[in-house]
N, C-alpha and C. Protein backbone atom coordinates (compact mmCIF):
# COMPACT_ATOMS: atom_id res chain seq x y z
N MET A 1 -13.18 9.19 -2.36
CA MET A 1 -12.16 9.53 -1.09
C MET A 1 -12.12 11.59 -1.94
N PRO A 2 -12.34 12.15 -0.47
CA PRO A 2 -11.59 13.52 -0.28
C PRO A 2 -9.46 13.99 -0.77
N GLN A 3 -9.49 14.45 -1.28
CA GLN A 3 -8.13 14.94 -1.60
C GLN A 3 -8.19 15.81 -1.21
N PRO A 4 -6.71 15.42 0.04
CA PRO A 4 -6.06 16.37 0.83
C PRO A 4 -5.36 16.95 -0.10
N SER A 5 -5.52 18.58 0.64
CA SER A 5 -4.28 19.55 -0.45
C SER A 5 -2.93 19.29 0.24
N ASP A 6 -2.80 18.93 1.72
CA ASP A 6 -1.39 18.38 2.19
C ASP A 6 -0.66 17.26 1.31
N ALA A 7 -0.09 16.90 0.85
CA ALA A 7 0.50 16.13 0.59
C ALA A 7 1.08 14.87 1.29
N ARG A 8 1.92 15.74 2.03
CA ARG A 8 1.74 14.87 4.00
C ARG A 8 0.46 14.52 4.74
N SER A 9 0.03 14.53 4.47
CA SER A 9 -0.91 13.90 4.94
C SER A 9 -1.49 12.69 4.69
N PHE A 10 -0.12 11.91 3.36
CA PHE A 10 -0.67 10.96 3.19
C PHE A 10 0.10 9.76 3.30
N LEU A 11 0.94 10.88 4.44
CA LEU A 11 2.71 10.33 4.87
C LEU A 11 2.49 9.61 5.96
N PRO A 12 3.19 7.98 6.53
CA PRO A 12 3.49 7.56 5.83
C PRO A 12 3.17 6.88 5.07
N LEU A 13 3.41 6.25 3.45
CA LEU A 13 3.13 6.18 2.76
C LEU A 13 3.67 3.99 3.26
N THR A 14 3.15 2.81 2.05
CA THR A 14 3.21 2.28 2.29
C THR A 14 4.52 1.68 1.06
N PRO A 15 5.54 0.84 0.84
CA PRO A 15 5.91 0.43 0.48
C PRO A 15 5.85 0.64 -1.20
N ALA A 16 4.37 -0.67 -1.20
CA ALA A 16 3.81 -0.61 -2.37
C ALA A 16 3.74 0.60 -2.93
N VAL A 17 2.81 1.73 -2.58
CA VAL A 17 2.85 2.89 -2.83
C VAL A 17 3.63 3.92 -3.39
N PHE A 18 4.81 3.67 -2.91
CA PHE A 18 5.96 4.65 -3.23
C PHE A 18 6.77 3.97 -4.27
N HIS A 19 6.23 2.37 -4.13
CA HIS A 19 7.93 2.24 -5.37
C HIS A 19 6.37 2.39 -6.91
N ILE A 20 5.65 2.23 -6.62
CA ILE A 20 4.77 2.85 -7.69
C ILE A 20 4.47 4.22 -8.16
N LEU A 21 4.68 4.88 -7.07
CA LEU A 21 4.48 6.37 -7.31
C LEU A 21 5.87 6.17 -7.97
N VAL A 22 6.92 6.17 -7.74
CA VAL A 22 8.63 6.33 -8.34
C VAL A 22 8.85 5.95 -9.92
N SER A 23 8.06 4.28 -10.14
CA SER A 23 8.18 4.30 -11.36
C SER A 23 7.04 4.81 -12.36
N LEU A 24 6.51 5.33 -11.67
CA LEU A 24 5.41 6.77 -12.64
C LEU A 24 5.88 8.15 -12.48
N ALA A 25 6.60 8.31 -11.99
CA ALA A 25 7.32 9.34 -11.64
C ALA A 25 7.79 9.27 -13.51
N GLY A 26 9.04 8.19 -13.41
CA GLY A 26 9.29 7.92 -15.10
C GLY A 26 8.22 8.64 -15.67
N GLU A 27 7.37 7.29 -16.35
CA GLU A 27 6.31 7.66 -17.49
C GLU A 27 5.65 7.38 -16.80
N ASP A 28 4.74 7.40 -18.38
CA ASP A 28 3.08 6.57 -18.35
C ASP A 28 3.44 4.97 -18.04
N ARG A 29 3.17 4.09 -17.47
CA ARG A 29 2.93 3.15 -17.36
C ARG A 29 1.59 2.37 -17.19
N HIS A 30 1.81 0.55 -18.08
CA HIS A 30 0.87 -0.08 -17.80
C HIS A 30 0.81 -0.89 -16.44
N GLY A 31 -0.19 -1.46 -15.70
CA GLY A 31 0.28 -2.39 -14.60
C GLY A 31 1.79 -3.40 -14.22
N TYR A 32 1.53 -4.17 -15.61
CA TYR A 32 2.98 -5.20 -15.76
C TYR A 32 3.86 -4.71 -16.44
N GLY A 33 4.21 -3.59 -16.25
CA GLY A 33 5.27 -3.26 -16.29
C GLY A 33 5.76 -2.03 -15.52
N ILE A 34 4.62 -2.13 -14.57
CA ILE A 34 4.84 -0.65 -13.45
C ILE A 34 5.71 -1.87 -12.44
N ALA A 35 5.15 -3.48 -12.21
CA ALA A 35 5.27 -4.32 -11.82
C ALA A 35 7.33 -4.50 -12.37
N GLN A 36 6.62 -4.71 -14.05
CA GLN A 36 8.94 -4.97 -13.78
C GLN A 36 9.69 -4.06 -13.47
N ASP A 37 9.49 -2.93 -13.85
CA ASP A 37 9.90 -1.89 -13.12
C ASP A 37 10.61 -1.54 -12.14
N ILE A 38 9.50 -2.07 -11.14
CA ILE A 38 9.80 -1.91 -9.93
C ILE A 38 11.00 -3.04 -9.56
N ASP A 39 10.84 -3.89 -10.37
CA ASP A 39 12.07 -5.60 -9.87
C ASP A 39 12.73 -5.88 -10.54
N ALA A 40 13.32 -4.97 -11.96
CA ALA A 40 14.18 -4.18 -12.09
C ALA A 40 15.32 -3.34 -11.08
N ALA A 41 14.51 -1.94 -10.59
CA ALA A 41 15.23 -0.93 -9.80
C ALA A 41 15.50 -1.58 -8.68
N THR A 42 14.90 -2.35 -8.07
CA THR A 42 15.14 -3.07 -7.29
C THR A 42 16.08 -4.64 -6.82
N HIS A 43 16.42 -4.87 -8.27
CA HIS A 43 17.68 -5.51 -8.22
C HIS A 43 15.93 -7.13 -7.73
N GLY A 44 15.06 -6.95 -7.92
CA GLY A 44 14.73 -8.06 -7.62
C GLY A 44 13.99 -8.71 -5.90
N GLU A 45 14.69 -7.31 -5.34
CA GLU A 45 13.92 -7.52 -3.72
C GLU A 45 12.93 -6.88 -3.68
N VAL A 46 12.18 -6.49 -4.74
CA VAL A 46 10.21 -5.96 -4.49
C VAL A 46 9.85 -6.18 -5.48
N GLN A 47 8.79 -7.50 -5.20
CA GLN A 47 7.99 -8.23 -6.65
C GLN A 47 6.79 -8.00 -5.59
N LEU A 48 5.95 -7.23 -6.35
CA LEU A 48 4.44 -6.76 -6.11
C LEU A 48 3.57 -7.64 -6.98
N GLY A 49 2.47 -8.70 -6.42
CA GLY A 49 1.88 -10.05 -7.01
C GLY A 49 0.71 -8.91 -7.88
N PRO A 50 0.13 -9.76 -8.87
CA PRO A 50 -1.13 -8.80 -9.23
C PRO A 50 -1.95 -8.51 -8.13
N GLY A 51 -2.72 -9.34 -7.02
CA GLY A 51 -3.42 -8.81 -6.01
C GLY A 51 -2.99 -7.12 -5.37
N THR A 52 -1.93 -7.49 -5.21
CA THR A 52 -1.33 -5.97 -4.16
C THR A 52 -1.19 -5.29 -5.48
N LEU A 53 -0.69 -5.06 -6.51
CA LEU A 53 -0.43 -4.72 -7.89
C LEU A 53 -1.44 -3.89 -7.93
N TYR A 54 -2.42 -4.53 -8.26
CA TYR A 54 -4.12 -3.90 -8.61
C TYR A 54 -5.15 -3.66 -7.43
N GLY A 55 -4.54 -4.28 -6.31
CA GLY A 55 -5.52 -3.68 -5.81
C GLY A 55 -5.22 -1.86 -5.32
N THR A 56 -3.66 -1.66 -5.41
CA THR A 56 -3.25 -0.69 -4.72
C THR A 56 -3.24 0.59 -5.96
N LEU A 57 -3.28 0.38 -7.27
CA LEU A 57 -3.31 0.92 -8.47
C LEU A 57 -4.86 1.51 -8.15
N ASP A 58 -6.13 0.70 -7.27
CA ASP A 58 -7.24 0.91 -7.65
C ASP A 58 -7.29 2.02 -6.35
N ARG A 59 -7.08 1.26 -5.20
CA ARG A 59 -6.74 2.25 -4.87
C ARG A 59 -5.77 3.96 -4.43
N MET A 60 -5.21 3.78 -5.07
CA MET A 60 -4.43 5.14 -5.44
C MET A 60 -5.34 6.23 -6.70
N GLU A 61 -6.01 5.80 -7.18
CA GLU A 61 -6.98 6.03 -8.22
C GLU A 61 -7.65 6.91 -7.51
N ASP A 62 -8.12 5.92 -6.67
CA ASP A 62 -9.95 6.31 -5.54
C ASP A 62 -9.21 7.78 -4.91
N ALA A 63 -8.10 7.96 -4.49
CA ALA A 63 -7.07 8.47 -3.76
C ALA A 63 -6.76 9.90 -5.18
N GLY A 64 -6.33 10.11 -5.96
CA GLY A 64 -5.75 11.36 -6.32
C GLY A 64 -5.06 11.20 -6.88
N LEU A 65 -4.25 9.73 -7.05
CA LEU A 65 -2.71 9.85 -7.05
C LEU A 65 -2.32 9.46 -8.06
N ILE A 66 -3.19 9.32 -8.70
CA ILE A 66 -3.02 8.24 -10.11
C ILE A 66 -4.09 8.77 -11.10
N VAL A 67 -3.78 8.39 -12.39
CA VAL A 67 -5.55 8.78 -12.92
C VAL A 67 -4.81 7.96 -14.20
N GLU A 68 -6.00 7.25 -15.27
CA GLU A 68 -6.26 6.08 -15.85
C GLU A 68 -5.89 6.90 -16.98
N THR A 69 -4.33 6.61 -18.17
CA THR A 69 -4.52 7.24 -19.44
C THR A 69 -5.11 6.95 -20.23
N ASP A 70 -5.22 7.99 -21.66
CA ASP A 70 -5.40 7.05 -22.82
C ASP A 70 -4.03 6.04 -23.64
N HIS A 71 -3.80 6.04 -23.35
CA HIS A 71 -3.05 4.96 -23.89
C HIS A 71 -3.40 3.60 -25.03
N ARG A 72 -4.65 3.74 -24.04
CA ARG A 72 -5.34 1.93 -25.00
C ARG A 72 -4.82 2.00 -26.54
N ALA A 73 -4.64 3.20 -27.16
CA ALA A 73 -4.83 3.26 -28.41
C ALA A 73 -3.78 2.20 -28.64
N ARG A 74 -2.52 1.95 -27.76
CA ARG A 74 -1.37 1.63 -28.13
C ARG A 74 -1.69 -0.27 -28.00
N ASP A 75 -2.25 -0.56 -26.13
CA ASP A 75 -2.80 -1.95 -26.63
C ASP A 75 -4.06 -1.93 -25.62
N GLU A 76 -4.93 -2.52 -26.54
CA GLU A 76 -6.42 -2.18 -26.11
C GLU A 76 -6.59 -3.16 -24.99
N ARG A 77 -5.49 -3.71 -24.31
CA ARG A 77 -5.61 -4.86 -23.60
C ARG A 77 -5.04 -4.37 -22.23
N ARG A 78 -4.64 -3.26 -21.98
CA ARG A 78 -4.08 -2.64 -21.31
C ARG A 78 -4.01 -1.44 -20.35
N ARG A 79 -4.64 -1.00 -19.26
CA ARG A 79 -4.79 -0.25 -18.90
C ARG A 79 -3.52 0.92 -18.71
N TYR A 80 -3.29 1.98 -19.03
CA TYR A 80 -1.94 2.99 -18.37
C TYR A 80 -2.20 4.02 -17.42
N TYR A 81 -1.23 4.01 -16.16
CA TYR A 81 -1.35 5.27 -15.52
C TYR A 81 -0.75 6.11 -15.59
N ARG A 82 -1.08 7.62 -15.48
CA ARG A 82 -0.12 8.66 -14.85
C ARG A 82 0.04 9.50 -13.82
N LEU A 83 1.27 9.92 -12.84
CA LEU A 83 0.73 10.73 -11.90
C LEU A 83 0.17 11.78 -12.30
N THR A 84 -0.44 12.21 -11.07
CA THR A 84 -1.88 13.27 -11.20
C THR A 84 -1.05 14.38 -9.86
N PRO A 85 -0.29 15.33 -10.28
CA PRO A 85 -0.19 16.67 -9.19
C PRO A 85 0.25 16.25 -7.89
N LEU A 86 -0.68 15.78 -7.90
CA LEU A 86 -1.16 15.53 -5.71
C LEU A 86 -0.31 14.34 -6.24
N GLY A 87 -0.37 13.18 -6.92
CA GLY A 87 1.01 12.01 -6.75
C GLY A 87 2.37 12.05 -6.31
N ARG A 88 2.20 13.12 -7.75
CA ARG A 88 4.34 13.69 -7.71
C ARG A 88 4.50 14.34 -6.42
N ASP A 89 3.37 15.10 -6.06
CA ASP A 89 3.87 16.04 -4.71
C ASP A 89 3.98 14.66 -3.64
N VAL A 90 2.84 13.82 -3.30
CA VAL A 90 2.64 12.94 -2.26
C VAL A 90 4.32 11.75 -2.61
N ALA A 91 5.15 12.03 -3.37
CA ALA A 91 5.84 10.96 -3.73
C ALA A 91 7.19 11.90 -3.57
N ARG A 92 7.17 13.06 -3.59
CA ARG A 92 8.80 13.72 -3.08
C ARG A 92 8.49 13.84 -1.60
N ALA A 93 7.52 14.27 -0.73
CA ALA A 93 6.92 14.43 0.58
C ALA A 93 7.63 13.32 0.98
N GLU A 94 7.30 11.89 0.63
CA GLU A 94 7.74 10.92 0.93
C GLU A 94 9.17 10.36 0.64
N ALA A 95 9.78 10.66 -0.40
CA ALA A 95 11.31 10.77 -0.29
C ALA A 95 11.96 11.84 0.03
N ARG A 96 11.55 13.04 1.23
CA ARG A 96 11.95 13.91 1.64
C ARG A 96 12.32 12.90 3.15
N ARG A 97 10.88 12.99 3.58
CA ARG A 97 10.37 12.07 4.40
C ARG A 97 11.49 10.70 5.25
N LEU A 98 12.31 10.17 3.69
CA LEU A 98 12.77 9.11 3.86
C LEU A 98 14.27 9.15 4.17
N GLU A 99 14.92 10.66 3.25
CA GLU A 99 15.83 11.89 3.28
C GLU A 99 16.18 11.45 4.89
N GLN A 100 15.27 12.14 5.47
CA GLN A 100 14.98 12.60 6.27
C GLN A 100 15.68 11.74 7.59
N LEU A 101 15.30 10.06 7.57
CA LEU A 101 15.69 9.05 8.14
C LEU A 101 16.51 8.79 8.31
N VAL A 102 17.12 8.89 5.96
CA VAL A 102 18.58 7.96 6.58
C VAL A 102 19.55 8.79 6.74
N SER A 103 19.96 10.80 7.69
CA SER A 103 20.55 11.39 7.64
C SER A 103 20.47 11.22 9.32
N LEU A 104 19.28 11.02 9.89
CA LEU A 104 19.72 10.33 10.99
C LEU A 104 19.87 9.14 11.60
N ALA A 105 19.89 7.83 10.71
CA ALA A 105 20.55 6.74 10.68
C ALA A 105 21.51 7.16 10.62
N ARG A 106 22.18 7.79 9.79
CA ARG A 106 23.73 7.68 9.77
C ARG A 106 24.28 8.72 10.37
N ALA A 107 23.98 10.02 11.21
CA ALA A 107 24.18 10.35 12.58
C ALA A 107 24.12 9.51 13.08
N ARG A 108 22.93 8.72 13.70
CA ARG A 108 23.51 7.42 14.93
C ARG A 108 24.24 6.28 14.41
N ALA A 109 25.21 6.71 13.61
CA ALA A 109 26.21 5.36 13.07
C ALA A 109 25.39 3.70 12.83
N LEU A 110 24.12 4.07 11.97
CA LEU A 110 23.55 3.18 12.13
C LEU A 110 23.63 2.49 10.66
N LEU A 111 24.57 3.68 9.74
CA LEU A 111 24.19 3.27 8.22
C LEU A 111 25.53 3.98 7.98
N SER A 112 26.64 4.58 6.77
CA SER A 112 27.50 4.97 7.21
C SER A 112 27.06 5.24 5.01
N ARG A 113 28.24 6.31 4.95
CA ARG A 113 28.08 7.26 3.55
C ARG A 113 28.90 5.86 2.38
N GLY A 114 28.72 5.64 1.45
CA GLY A 114 28.47 4.40 0.25
C GLY A 114 29.32 2.80 0.83
N ARG A 115 28.12 2.39 1.79
CA ARG A 115 28.67 1.40 2.61
C ARG A 115 26.93 1.25 3.20
N PRO A 116 26.63 -0.05 2.76
CA PRO A 116 25.00 -0.53 3.61
C PRO A 116 25.00 -0.86 4.48
């Protein structure tokens, strides 16, 4: 799949893709570790099943957002993933897009500061 040089061309992201990018922004992880991190970070509100998780990881790898690392030396059974520079740029672009939406929601009195 061709890799657009403009990260914004990937937007908007699906929630699964964005959560995975955010998880990998912290450190390289294997699939199950990504799922655990997302579950913990969202207090159980987002749980990616194996089909969604591994299908999404494959598509993200094909799009050049993530790459498999050489961490298999630590655990032969697991595939570890890392953000590519493009993946990091896409995650930042989506975070900015969502930040603008939240600002608009606050301006329209749909959301107040400090309260859900």
